[in-house]
Amino acid sequence: MAAIHYIVCKESDVFMASHGGNMGCAIQGHRAYEGHKKLITPNKRQMLPYFLNKTMTETESEKMMKKFHSQSLGQREIRVSRAGRDVTKYPVPE
C-alpha cells in the first residue's frame, strides 16, 4: 500500500504533505528533482485563525488558501548548508 501511495502522490498534479514525515519529504524531493512539480507546503500556524473562523464564506476561504500558497510551486531549493537540511527533501546539491 505504501508503494501505491508513493506512486500516486509522485504522479499527481499537486502534492500537499499532511505532516513532515520521511515519506512526505521523499515525495517532495522526488517531485522537485523530476521537474518542479507543484507542491503545497502549508503553514498550519498561520492558517489556524482562518480555520477557526466559522463565519468565513467559501469564497473567502478559497482566496485565503490561494494567497497562502501562491509561492508553493515546487521549485528546487538549493541547500545552503548541510546542517538541518534533509537531502531527500532538498535534492539539489550546493
Protein backbone atom coordinates (compact mmCIF):
# COMPACT_ATOMS: atom_id res chain seq x y z
CA MET A 1 0.00 0.00 0.00
CA ALA A 2 2.85 2.39 0.77
CA ALA A 3 4.30 1.92 -2.73
CA ILE A 4 0.94 2.67 -4.35
CA HIS A 5 0.56 5.74 -2.13
CA TYR A 6 4.04 6.93 -3.10
CA ILE A 7 3.39 6.49 -6.84
CA VAL A 8 0.02 8.27 -6.72
CA CYS A 9 1.48 11.20 -4.73
CA LYS A 10 4.51 11.45 -7.02
CA GLU A 11 2.43 11.46 -10.21
CA SER A 12 -0.40 13.74 -9.06
CA ASP A 13 -0.83 17.30 -10.36
CA VAL A 14 -0.40 18.83 -6.88
CA PHE A 15 1.05 17.34 -3.68
CA MET A 16 0.43 18.54 -0.13
CA ALA A 17 2.07 16.64 2.72
CA SER A 18 -0.08 16.31 5.83
CA HIS A 19 2.96 16.25 8.12
CA GLY A 20 6.75 16.41 7.89
CA GLY A 21 7.43 12.67 7.96
CA ASN A 22 10.01 10.77 5.90
CA MET A 23 7.51 9.74 3.20
CA GLY A 24 6.37 13.34 2.62
CA CYS A 25 9.98 14.56 2.47
CA ALA A 26 10.95 11.84 0.00
CA ILE A 27 8.00 12.58 -2.28
CA GLN A 28 8.65 16.34 -2.09
CA GLY A 29 12.29 15.83 -3.07
CA HIS A 30 11.44 13.37 -5.84
CA ARG A 31 8.85 15.74 -7.34
CA ALA A 32 11.24 18.72 -7.17
CA TYR A 33 14.09 16.72 -8.72
CA GLU A 34 11.90 15.50 -11.59
CA GLY A 35 10.87 18.91 -12.77
CA HIS A 36 9.43 21.43 -10.36
CA LYS A 37 6.05 19.76 -9.88
CA LYS A 38 3.55 21.81 -7.90
CA LEU A 39 3.81 21.36 -4.14
CA ILE A 40 1.84 22.94 -1.33
CA THR A 41 3.65 23.37 1.95
CA PRO A 42 1.03 24.59 4.42
CA ASN A 43 1.92 26.91 7.27
CA LYS A 44 -0.51 25.48 9.81
CA ARG A 45 0.13 28.13 12.46
CA GLN A 46 -0.57 30.93 10.01
CA MET A 47 -3.75 29.26 8.72
CA LEU A 48 -5.22 28.26 12.10
CA PRO A 49 -7.12 31.52 12.82
CA TYR A 50 -8.83 31.22 9.44
CA PHE A 51 -9.86 27.62 10.07
CA LEU A 52 -11.33 28.61 13.43
CA ASN A 53 -13.35 31.44 11.85
CA LYS A 54 -16.78 29.87 11.36
CA THR A 55 -18.22 32.94 9.61
CA MET A 56 -15.80 32.79 6.66
CA THR A 57 -17.51 32.07 3.35
CA GLU A 58 -16.27 29.51 0.85
CA THR A 59 -15.10 32.27 -1.50
CA GLU A 60 -13.11 34.00 1.26
CA SER A 61 -11.62 30.66 2.28
CA GLU A 62 -10.56 29.94 -1.30
CA LYS A 63 -8.91 33.37 -1.64
CA MET A 64 -7.08 32.86 1.66
CA MET A 65 -5.75 29.44 0.58
CA LYS A 66 -4.56 30.81 -2.77
CA LYS A 67 -2.82 33.74 -1.04
CA PHE A 68 -1.00 31.50 1.45
CA HIS A 69 0.11 29.04 -1.22
CA SER A 70 0.96 31.40 -4.08
CA GLN A 71 4.69 30.69 -3.65
CA SER A 72 4.28 26.89 -3.46
CA LEU A 73 5.38 25.95 -6.94
CA GLY A 74 7.65 23.02 -6.11
CA GLN A 75 10.73 24.93 -7.23
CA ARG A 76 14.07 23.44 -6.43
CA GLU A 77 15.70 24.78 -3.30
CA ILE A 78 19.46 24.76 -3.01
CA ARG A 79 20.76 23.61 0.36
CA VAL A 80 22.88 26.47 1.64
CA SER A 81 24.38 24.37 4.41
CA ARG A 82 24.26 20.73 5.30
CA ALA A 83 23.17 21.36 8.88
CA GLY A 84 19.44 20.92 9.30
CA ARG A 85 18.70 20.34 5.60
CA ASP A 86 17.29 16.97 4.62
CA VAL A 87 18.86 15.64 1.40
CA THR A 88 15.63 13.79 0.49
CA LYS A 89 13.55 16.96 0.77
CA TYR A 90 16.10 19.27 -0.91
CA PRO A 91 17.85 17.06 -3.51
CA VAL A 92 19.79 19.77 -5.37
CA PRO A 93 23.39 19.88 -4.13
CA GLU A 94 25.22 23.03 -3.12
